[in-house]
Amino acid sequence: MNDYDWIVFDSTGTLMTPSPEPALLYQQVAERAGSRQNLDETRTYLRSAIVRHFFEENADRETDETFELTRWRRLVADALPDLSGQELDAAFEELWHRFASAQCWRLFDDVLPTLQRLQQKDYRIAVASKFDGRLAKIIRDMQIESNFDEILISSHLGWCKPDPTYY
């Protein structure tokens, strides 16, 4: 008998990480759209936008796919402030779709062996993430979906982590 019924992992930073570095991808996409912003500026703007949109203004709130799309549009606009109009829209669309692809994510080396060991010991395993609906596709495309009994995504549950309602 196990001490715990479930083992729950966050996705980003625990199971996987963006690859390449998000700021690099943002800067490359922005440059193609006409931005003159350099990589260091992009890092600074992106870091600030993530804090603002995920940890300050919109933490602990109701959510859904529409809200998440809007949140990410605002985040991209804040991260790429010298783009506007059609250029900003095009950059957002490219970034949204690129980060929906498993090709933009790298699974940490210890994840699969850890999940397999936990499964062998009959633990129930879940992913619980602040991510949006793109996460389910990424997990499927990485071919790791069978390692999880549940995939819990904020935008599907209606609440952002760490609001107690999420749990």
Foldseek 3Di string as FASTA:
>chain_A
DDPDQEDEAAPDPTFKHFPPDVLVLLVVLLVVLPAPDDSVLLVVQLVVLCCCLDPNPAAWAFAAQVRVLVSLLVSSCSSRVVDDDPSSVSSSVVSVVVVLALVRMDTDPCNVVVLVVCVVVVHAYEHAYQDHPSVVSNCVNVVNVVSHPYYHYRNVQGTGPPHVSSD
